[in-house]
PDB file of N, CA and C in Angstrom:
ATOM      1  N   MET A   1     -12.060   1.255  22.010  1.00  0.00           N
ATOM      2  CA  MET A   1     -12.676   0.641  20.851  1.00  0.00           C
ATOM      3  C   MET A   1     -12.371   1.467  19.607  1.00  0.00           C
ATOM      4  N   ARG A   2     -12.095   0.799  18.540  1.00  0.00           N
ATOM      5  CA  ARG A   2     -11.743   1.432  17.282  1.00  0.00           C
ATOM      6  C   ARG A   2     -12.965   2.077  16.641  1.00  0.00           C
ATOM      7  N   SER A   3     -12.757   3.230  16.011  1.00  0.00           N
ATOM      8  CA  SER A   3     -13.872   3.897  15.351  1.00  0.00           C
ATOM      9  C   SER A   3     -14.278   3.112  14.098  1.00  0.00           C
ATOM     10  N   THR A   4     -15.488   3.374  13.655  1.00  0.00           N
ATOM     11  CA  THR A   4     -15.994   2.714  12.447  1.00  0.00           C
ATOM     12  C   THR A   4     -15.118   3.062  11.249  1.00  0.00           C
ATOM     13  N   ARG A   5     -14.689   4.304  11.150  1.00  0.00           N
ATOM     14  CA  ARG A   5     -13.838   4.753  10.044  1.00  0.00           C
ATOM     15  C   ARG A   5     -12.509   4.011  10.049  1.00  0.00           C
ATOM     16  N   ALA A   6     -11.905   3.896  11.222  1.00  0.00           N
ATOM     17  CA  ALA A   6     -10.624   3.192  11.328  1.00  0.00           C
ATOM     18  C   ALA A   6     -10.798   1.714  11.019  1.00  0.00           C
ATOM     19  N   SER A   7     -11.878   1.126  11.492  1.00  0.00           N
ATOM     20  CA  SER A   7     -12.137  -0.289  11.212  1.00  0.00           C
ATOM     21  C   SER A   7     -12.324  -0.533   9.725  1.00  0.00           C
ATOM     22  N   ALA A   8     -13.026   0.387   9.058  1.00  0.00           N
ATOM     23  CA  ALA A   8     -13.233   0.256   7.615  1.00  0.00           C
ATOM     24  C   ALA A   8     -11.908   0.381   6.871  1.00  0.00           C
ATOM     25  N   ALA A   9     -11.037   1.278   7.324  1.00  0.00           N
ATOM     26  CA  ALA A   9      -9.736   1.455   6.683  1.00  0.00           C
ATOM     27  C   ALA A   9      -8.872   0.208   6.861  1.00  0.00           C
ATOM     28  N   VAL A  10      -8.880  -0.366   8.041  1.00  0.00           N
ATOM     29  CA  VAL A  10      -8.110  -1.588   8.295  1.00  0.00           C
ATOM     30  C   VAL A  10      -8.640  -2.728   7.428  1.00  0.00           C
ATOM     31  N   ALA A  11      -9.950  -2.834   7.329  1.00  0.00           N
ATOM     32  CA  ALA A  11     -10.553  -3.880   6.494  1.00  0.00           C
ATOM     33  C   ALA A  11     -10.171  -3.687   5.026  1.00  0.00           C
ATOM     34  N   ARG A  12     -10.190  -2.439   4.553  1.00  0.00           N
ATOM     35  CA  ARG A  12      -9.828  -2.163   3.158  1.00  0.00           C
ATOM     36  C   ARG A  12      -8.350  -2.470   2.915  1.00  0.00           C
ATOM     37  N   LEU A  13      -7.491  -2.121   3.869  1.00  0.00           N
ATOM     38  CA  LEU A  13      -6.063  -2.422   3.733  1.00  0.00           C
ATOM     39  C   LEU A  13      -5.838  -3.930   3.685  1.00  0.00           C
ATOM     40  N   ASN A  14      -6.484  -4.661   4.557  1.00  0.00           N
ATOM     41  CA  ASN A  14      -6.355  -6.122   4.554  1.00  0.00           C
ATOM     42  C   ASN A  14      -6.856  -6.725   3.246  1.00  0.00           C
ATOM     43  N   ARG A  15      -7.940  -6.171   2.721  1.00  0.00           N
ATOM     44  CA  ARG A  15      -8.455  -6.664   1.443  1.00  0.00           C
ATOM     45  C   ARG A  15      -7.459  -6.363   0.320  1.00  0.00           C
ATOM     46  N   ALA A  16      -6.886  -5.171   0.314  1.00  0.00           N
ATOM     47  CA  ALA A  16      -5.908  -4.812  -0.719  1.00  0.00           C
ATOM     48  C   ALA A  16      -4.704  -5.749  -0.669  1.00  0.00           C
ATOM     49  N   ILE A  17      -4.219  -6.037   0.530  1.00  0.00           N
ATOM     50  CA  ILE A  17      -3.084  -6.955   0.689  1.00  0.00           C
ATOM     51  C   ILE A  17      -3.446  -8.334   0.151  1.00  0.00           C
ATOM     52  N   THR A  18      -4.641  -8.790   0.459  1.00  0.00           N
ATOM     53  CA  THR A  18      -5.093 -10.096  -0.030  1.00  0.00           C
ATOM     54  C   THR A  18      -5.206 -10.100  -1.543  1.00  0.00           C
ATOM     55  N   LEU A  19      -5.739  -9.024  -2.107  1.00  0.00           N
ATOM     56  CA  LEU A  19      -5.867  -8.933  -3.561  1.00  0.00           C
ATOM     57  C   LEU A  19      -4.500  -8.935  -4.253  1.00  0.00           C
ATOM     58  N   VAL A  20      -3.504  -8.317  -3.631  1.00  0.00           N
ATOM     59  CA  VAL A  20      -2.148  -8.362  -4.186  1.00  0.00           C
ATOM     60  C   VAL A  20      -1.650  -9.804  -4.185  1.00  0.00           C
ATOM     61  N   ARG A  21      -1.862 -10.510  -3.089  1.00  0.00           N
ATOM     62  CA  ARG A  21      -1.425 -11.914  -3.013  1.00  0.00           C
ATOM     63  C   ARG A  21      -2.106 -12.772  -4.074  1.00  0.00           C
ATOM     64  N   LEU A  22      -3.331 -12.411  -4.417  1.00  0.00           N
ATOM     65  CA  LEU A  22      -4.083 -13.138  -5.444  1.00  0.00           C
ATOM     66  C   LEU A  22      -3.782 -12.625  -6.859  1.00  0.00           C
ATOM     67  N   LYS A  23      -2.910 -11.634  -6.938  1.00  0.00           N
ATOM     68  CA  LYS A  23      -2.525 -10.997  -8.202  1.00  0.00           C
ATOM     69  C   LYS A  23      -3.706 -10.342  -8.912  1.00  0.00           C
ATOM     70  N   GLU A  24      -4.634  -9.841  -8.123  1.00  0.00           N
ATOM     71  CA  GLU A  24      -5.769  -9.066  -8.629  1.00  0.00           C
ATOM     72  C   GLU A  24      -5.361  -7.591  -8.578  1.00  0.00           C
ATOM     73  N   TRP A  25      -4.440  -7.236  -9.476  1.00  0.00           N
ATOM     74  CA  TRP A  25      -3.775  -5.943  -9.426  1.00  0.00           C
ATOM     75  C   TRP A  25      -4.726  -4.755  -9.490  1.00  0.00           C
ATOM     76  N   ASP A  26      -5.671  -4.774 -10.413  1.00  0.00           N
ATOM     77  CA  ASP A  26      -6.557  -3.615 -10.577  1.00  0.00           C
ATOM     78  C   ASP A  26      -7.460  -3.411  -9.368  1.00  0.00           C
ATOM     79  N   ALA A  27      -8.001  -4.481  -8.837  1.00  0.00           N
ATOM     80  CA  ALA A  27      -8.868  -4.372  -7.655  1.00  0.00           C
ATOM     81  C   ALA A  27      -8.060  -3.903  -6.445  1.00  0.00           C
ATOM     82  N   ALA A  28      -6.852  -4.423  -6.305  1.00  0.00           N
ATOM     83  CA  ALA A  28      -5.988  -4.006  -5.191  1.00  0.00           C
ATOM     84  C   ALA A  28      -5.649  -2.528  -5.319  1.00  0.00           C
ATOM     85  N   ARG A  29      -5.323  -2.115  -6.527  1.00  0.00           N
ATOM     86  CA  ARG A  29      -4.977  -0.708  -6.756  1.00  0.00           C
ATOM     87  C   ARG A  29      -6.144   0.214  -6.396  1.00  0.00           C
ATOM     88  N   GLU A  30      -7.354  -0.173  -6.740  1.00  0.00           N
ATOM     89  CA  GLU A  30      -8.529   0.634  -6.378  1.00  0.00           C
ATOM     90  C   GLU A  30      -8.603   0.837  -4.866  1.00  0.00           C
ATOM     91  N   ASP A  31      -8.430  -0.253  -4.118  1.00  0.00           N
ATOM     92  CA  ASP A  31      -8.470  -0.137  -2.650  1.00  0.00           C
ATOM     93  C   ASP A  31      -7.352   0.758  -2.135  1.00  0.00           C
ATOM     94  N   TYR A  32      -6.136   0.537  -2.642  1.00  0.00           N
ATOM     95  CA  TYR A  32      -5.007   1.357  -2.183  1.00  0.00           C
ATOM     96  C   TYR A  32      -5.204   2.830  -2.542  1.00  0.00           C
ATOM     97  N   GLU A  33      -5.747   3.107  -3.712  1.00  0.00           N
ATOM     98  CA  GLU A  33      -5.971   4.504  -4.117  1.00  0.00           C
ATOM     99  C   GLU A  33      -6.999   5.179  -3.196  1.00  0.00           C
ATOM    100  N   LEU A  34      -8.040   4.452  -2.840  1.00  0.00           N
ATOM    101  CA  LEU A  34      -9.025   5.006  -1.899  1.00  0.00           C
ATOM    102  C   LEU A  34      -8.379   5.271  -0.540  1.00  0.00           C
ATOM    103  N   LEU A  35      -7.568   4.343  -0.092  1.00  0.00           N
ATOM    104  CA  LEU A  35      -6.871   4.530   1.187  1.00  0.00           C
ATOM    105  C   LEU A  35      -5.913   5.711   1.121  1.00  0.00           C
ATOM    106  N   LEU A  36      -5.239   5.869  -0.016  1.00  0.00           N
ATOM    107  CA  LEU A  36      -4.272   6.954  -0.171  1.00  0.00           C
ATOM    108  C   LEU A  36      -4.937   8.322  -0.061  1.00  0.00           C
ATOM    109  N   GLN A  37      -6.169   8.428  -0.533  1.00  0.00           N
ATOM    110  CA  GLN A  37      -6.902   9.688  -0.413  1.00  0.00           C
ATOM    111  C   GLN A  37      -7.111  10.056   1.048  1.00  0.00           C
ATOM    112  N   GLU A  38      -7.360   9.058   1.862  1.00  0.00           N
ATOM    113  CA  GLU A  38      -7.637   9.293   3.279  1.00  0.00           C
ATOM    114  C   GLU A  38      -6.363   9.347   4.125  1.00  0.00           C
ATOM    115  N   PHE A  39      -5.347   8.599   3.707  1.00  0.00           N
ATOM    116  CA  PHE A  39      -4.107   8.494   4.475  1.00  0.00           C
ATOM    117  C   PHE A  39      -2.904   8.673   3.537  1.00  0.00           C
ATOM    118  N   PRO A  40      -2.639   9.903   3.094  1.00  0.00           N
ATOM    119  CA  PRO A  40      -1.577  10.122   2.109  1.00  0.00           C
ATOM    120  C   PRO A  40      -0.176   9.758   2.605  1.00  0.00           C
ATOM    121  N   ASN A  41       0.011   9.668   3.892  1.00  0.00           N
ATOM    122  CA  ASN A  41       1.315   9.315   4.450  1.00  0.00           C
ATOM    123  C   ASN A  41       1.379   7.868   4.915  1.00  0.00           C
ATOM    124  N   GLY A  42       0.460   7.056   4.449  1.00  0.00           N
ATOM    125  CA  GLY A  42       0.445   5.652   4.848  1.00  0.00           C
ATOM    126  C   GLY A  42       1.516   4.862   4.117  1.00  0.00           C
ATOM    127  N   TYR A  43       2.579   4.517   4.824  1.00  0.00           N
ATOM    128  CA  TYR A  43       3.688   3.828   4.158  1.00  0.00           C
ATOM    129  C   TYR A  43       3.274   2.464   3.627  1.00  0.00           C
ATOM    130  N   GLN A  44       2.357   1.773   4.302  1.00  0.00           N
ATOM    131  CA  GLN A  44       1.907   0.470   3.814  1.00  0.00           C
ATOM    132  C   GLN A  44       1.141   0.614   2.502  1.00  0.00           C
ATOM    133  N   ILE A  45       0.454   1.721   2.355  1.00  0.00           N
ATOM    134  CA  ILE A  45      -0.294   1.988   1.129  1.00  0.00           C
ATOM    135  C   ILE A  45       0.684   2.199  -0.026  1.00  0.00           C
ATOM    136  N   HIS A  46       1.706   3.016   0.203  1.00  0.00           N
ATOM    137  CA  HIS A  46       2.702   3.255  -0.838  1.00  0.00           C
ATOM    138  C   HIS A  46       3.462   1.978  -1.175  1.00  0.00           C
ATOM    139  N   PHE A  47       3.748   1.176  -0.165  1.00  0.00           N
ATOM    140  CA  PHE A  47       4.439  -0.088  -0.415  1.00  0.00           C
ATOM    141  C   PHE A  47       3.586  -0.986  -1.311  1.00  0.00           C
ATOM    142  N   GLY A  48       2.296  -1.084  -1.005  1.00  0.00           N
ATOM    143  CA  GLY A  48       1.397  -1.901  -1.813  1.00  0.00           C
ATOM    144  C   GLY A  48       1.295  -1.402  -3.242  1.00  0.00           C
ATOM    145  N   LEU A  49       1.193  -0.088  -3.404  1.00  0.00           N
ATOM    146  CA  LEU A  49       1.142   0.483  -4.754  1.00  0.00           C
ATOM    147  C   LEU A  49       2.458   0.229  -5.499  1.00  0.00           C
ATOM    148  N   GLY A  50       3.562   0.227  -4.769  1.00  0.00           N
ATOM    149  CA  GLY A  50       4.847  -0.104  -5.376  1.00  0.00           C
ATOM    150  C   GLY A  50       4.898  -1.547  -5.846  1.00  0.00           C
ATOM    151  N   GLU A  51       4.346  -2.449  -5.040  1.00  0.00           N
ATOM    152  CA  GLU A  51       4.291  -3.861  -5.439  1.00  0.00           C
ATOM    153  C   GLU A  51       3.479  -4.038  -6.727  1.00  0.00           C
ATOM    154  N   ILE A  52       2.354  -3.347  -6.784  1.00  0.00           N
ATOM    155  CA  ILE A  52       1.494  -3.448  -7.974  1.00  0.00           C
ATOM    156  C   ILE A  52       2.210  -2.895  -9.190  1.00  0.00           C
ATOM    157  N   ALA A  53       2.831  -1.733  -9.055  1.00  0.00           N
ATOM    158  CA  ALA A  53       3.548  -1.131 -10.181  1.00  0.00           C
ATOM    159  C   ALA A  53       4.687  -2.042 -10.640  1.00  0.00           C
ATOM    160  N   ALA A  54       5.404  -2.641  -9.701  1.00  0.00           N
ATOM    161  CA  ALA A  54       6.497  -3.550 -10.066  1.00  0.00           C
ATOM    162  C   ALA A  54       5.956  -4.770 -10.813  1.00  0.00           C
ATOM    163  N   ALA A  55       4.828  -5.298 -10.348  1.00  0.00           N
ATOM    164  CA  ALA A  55       4.224  -6.461 -11.002  1.00  0.00           C
ATOM    165  C   ALA A  55       3.782  -6.131 -12.421  1.00  0.00           C
ATOM    166  N   LYS A  56       3.431  -4.863 -12.644  1.00  0.00           N
ATOM    167  CA  LYS A  56       2.992  -4.430 -13.974  1.00  0.00           C
ATOM    168  C   LYS A  56       4.142  -3.850 -14.794  1.00  0.00           C
ATOM    169  N   ASN A  57       5.368  -4.043 -14.296  1.00  0.00           N
ATOM    170  CA  ASN A  57       6.583  -3.590 -14.993  1.00  0.00           C
ATOM    171  C   ASN A  57       6.645  -2.083 -15.198  1.00  0.00           C
ATOM    172  N   ASP A  58       6.070  -1.335 -14.265  1.00  0.00           N
ATOM    173  CA  ASP A  58       6.159   0.127 -14.309  1.00  0.00           C
ATOM    174  C   ASP A  58       7.219   0.542 -13.281  1.00  0.00           C
ATOM    175  N   ALA A  59       8.466   0.488 -13.724  1.00  0.00           N
ATOM    176  CA  ALA A  59       9.589   0.714 -12.812  1.00  0.00           C
ATOM    177  C   ALA A  59       9.577   2.108 -12.187  1.00  0.00           C
ATOM    178  N   ALA A  60       9.233   3.121 -12.965  1.00  0.00           N
ATOM    179  CA  ALA A  60       9.248   4.494 -12.449  1.00  0.00           C
ATOM    180  C   ALA A  60       8.224   4.671 -11.331  1.00  0.00           C
ATOM    181  N   GLU A  61       7.022   4.163 -11.546  1.00  0.00           N
ATOM    182  CA  GLU A  61       5.993   4.291 -10.513  1.00  0.00           C
ATOM    183  C   GLU A  61       6.336   3.440  -9.302  1.00  0.00           C
ATOM    184  N   ALA A  62       6.856   2.250  -9.530  1.00  0.00           N
ATOM    185  CA  ALA A  62       7.250   1.379  -8.415  1.00  0.00           C
ATOM    186  C   ALA A  62       8.307   2.072  -7.566  1.00  0.00           C
ATOM    187  N   ARG A  63       9.294   2.633  -8.215  1.00  0.00           N
ATOM    188  CA  ARG A  63      10.363   3.310  -7.483  1.00  0.00           C
ATOM    189  C   ARG A  63       9.822   4.471  -6.661  1.00  0.00           C
ATOM    190  N   ARG A  64       8.946   5.258  -7.269  1.00  0.00           N
ATOM    191  CA  ARG A  64       8.375   6.414  -6.559  1.00  0.00           C
ATOM    192  C   ARG A  64       7.648   5.967  -5.297  1.00  0.00           C
ATOM    193  N   HIS A  65       6.812   4.930  -5.441  1.00  0.00           N
ATOM    194  CA  HIS A  65       6.053   4.470  -4.270  1.00  0.00           C
ATOM    195  C   HIS A  65       6.959   3.823  -3.228  1.00  0.00           C
ATOM    196  N   PHE A  66       7.952   3.052  -3.664  1.00  0.00           N
ATOM    197  CA  PHE A  66       8.863   2.441  -2.694  1.00  0.00           C
ATOM    198  C   PHE A  66       9.689   3.506  -1.972  1.00  0.00           C
ATOM    199  N   GLU A  67      10.111   4.534  -2.694  1.00  0.00           N
ATOM    200  CA  GLU A  67      10.843   5.622  -2.043  1.00  0.00           C
ATOM    201  C   GLU A  67       9.959   6.346  -1.030  1.00  0.00           C
ATOM    202  N   ASP A  68       8.705   6.595  -1.405  1.00  0.00           N
ATOM    203  CA  ASP A  68       7.773   7.224  -0.465  1.00  0.00           C
ATOM    204  C   ASP A  68       7.567   6.339   0.758  1.00  0.00           C
ATOM    205  N   ALA A  69       7.417   5.049   0.541  1.00  0.00           N
ATOM    206  CA  ALA A  69       7.227   4.113   1.650  1.00  0.00           C
ATOM    207  C   ALA A  69       8.425   4.146   2.591  1.00  0.00           C
ATOM    208  N   MET A  70       9.629   4.186   2.032  1.00  0.00           N
ATOM    209  CA  MET A  70      10.832   4.214   2.869  1.00  0.00           C
ATOM    210  C   MET A  70      10.924   5.493   3.689  1.00  0.00           C
ATOM    211  N   LYS A  71      10.489   6.611   3.103  1.00  0.00           N
ATOM    212  CA  LYS A  71      10.525   7.886   3.827  1.00  0.00           C
ATOM    213  C   LYS A  71       9.543   7.881   4.997  1.00  0.00           C
ATOM    214  N   MET A  72       8.426   7.178   4.830  1.00  0.00           N
ATOM    215  CA  MET A  72       7.346   7.223   5.812  1.00  0.00           C
ATOM    216  C   MET A  72       7.382   6.082   6.824  1.00  0.00           C
ATOM    217  N   ALA A  73       7.988   4.968   6.450  1.00  0.00           N
ATOM    218  CA  ALA A  73       7.970   3.778   7.306  1.00  0.00           C
ATOM    219  C   ALA A  73       8.881   3.976   8.518  1.00  0.00           C
ATOM    220  N   PRO A  74       8.452   3.465   9.656  1.00  0.00           N
ATOM    221  CA  PRO A  74       9.338   3.506  10.818  1.00  0.00           C
ATOM    222  C   PRO A  74      10.610   2.703  10.516  1.00  0.00           C
ATOM    223  N   ALA A  75      11.754   3.248  10.875  1.00  0.00           N
ATOM    224  CA  ALA A  75      13.025   2.551  10.635  1.00  0.00           C
ATOM    225  C   ALA A  75      12.965   1.166  11.274  1.00  0.00           C
ATOM    226  N   GLY A  76      13.390   0.182  10.507  1.00  0.00           N
ATOM    227  CA  GLY A  76      13.418  -1.190  11.015  1.00  0.00           C
ATOM    228  C   GLY A  76      12.135  -1.963  10.818  1.00  0.00           C
ATOM    229  N   SER A  77      11.083  -1.319  10.300  1.00  0.00           N
ATOM    230  CA  SER A  77       9.833  -2.043  10.067  1.00  0.00           C
ATOM    231  C   SER A  77      10.030  -3.030   8.924  1.00  0.00           C
ATOM    232  N   ARG A  78       9.218  -4.063   8.875  1.00  0.00           N
ATOM    233  CA  ARG A  78       9.322  -5.090   7.838  1.00  0.00           C
ATOM    234  C   ARG A  78       9.262  -4.481   6.446  1.00  0.00           C
ATOM    235  N   ASP A  79       8.320  -3.564   6.212  1.00  0.00           N
ATOM    236  CA  ASP A  79       8.181  -2.957   4.894  1.00  0.00           C
ATOM    237  C   ASP A  79       9.421  -2.133   4.544  1.00  0.00           C
ATOM    238  N   PHE A  80       9.968  -1.431   5.511  1.00  0.00           N
ATOM    239  CA  PHE A  80      11.171  -0.634   5.273  1.00  0.00           C
ATOM    240  C   PHE A  80      12.321  -1.540   4.859  1.00  0.00           C
ATOM    241  N   LEU A  81      12.455  -2.666   5.528  1.00  0.00           N
ATOM    242  CA  LEU A  81      13.551  -3.585   5.249  1.00  0.00           C
ATOM    243  C   LEU A  81      13.385  -4.327   3.932  1.00  0.00           C
ATOM    244  N   GLN A  82      12.139  -4.482   3.465  1.00  0.00           N
ATOM    245  CA  GLN A  82      11.892  -5.210   2.225  1.00  0.00           C
ATOM    246  C   GLN A  82      12.171  -4.379   0.984  1.00  0.00           C
ATOM    247  N   VAL A  83      12.122  -3.078   1.116  1.00  0.00           N
ATOM    248  CA  VAL A  83      12.301  -2.217  -0.068  1.00  0.00           C
ATOM    249  C   VAL A  83      13.767  -2.161  -0.432  1.00  0.00           C
TER     250      VAL A  83
END
């Protein structure tokens, strides 16, 4: 059984992904930033932050997060292939 902490993190990640799809950039960024504090090597978190930065036309930040995501993502994963 998953721990309460892990379940909360999964729920927050799912909410952040949903907020990105809804183009609620600031709310999504808040969730991703909280997740990043707890999971600094989370490639999905960096990918999401890269999507937000790209949507806000911040190319430098988008590139940084996408590069971090590529370094951390398992080779061949969907996120790795999308960057």
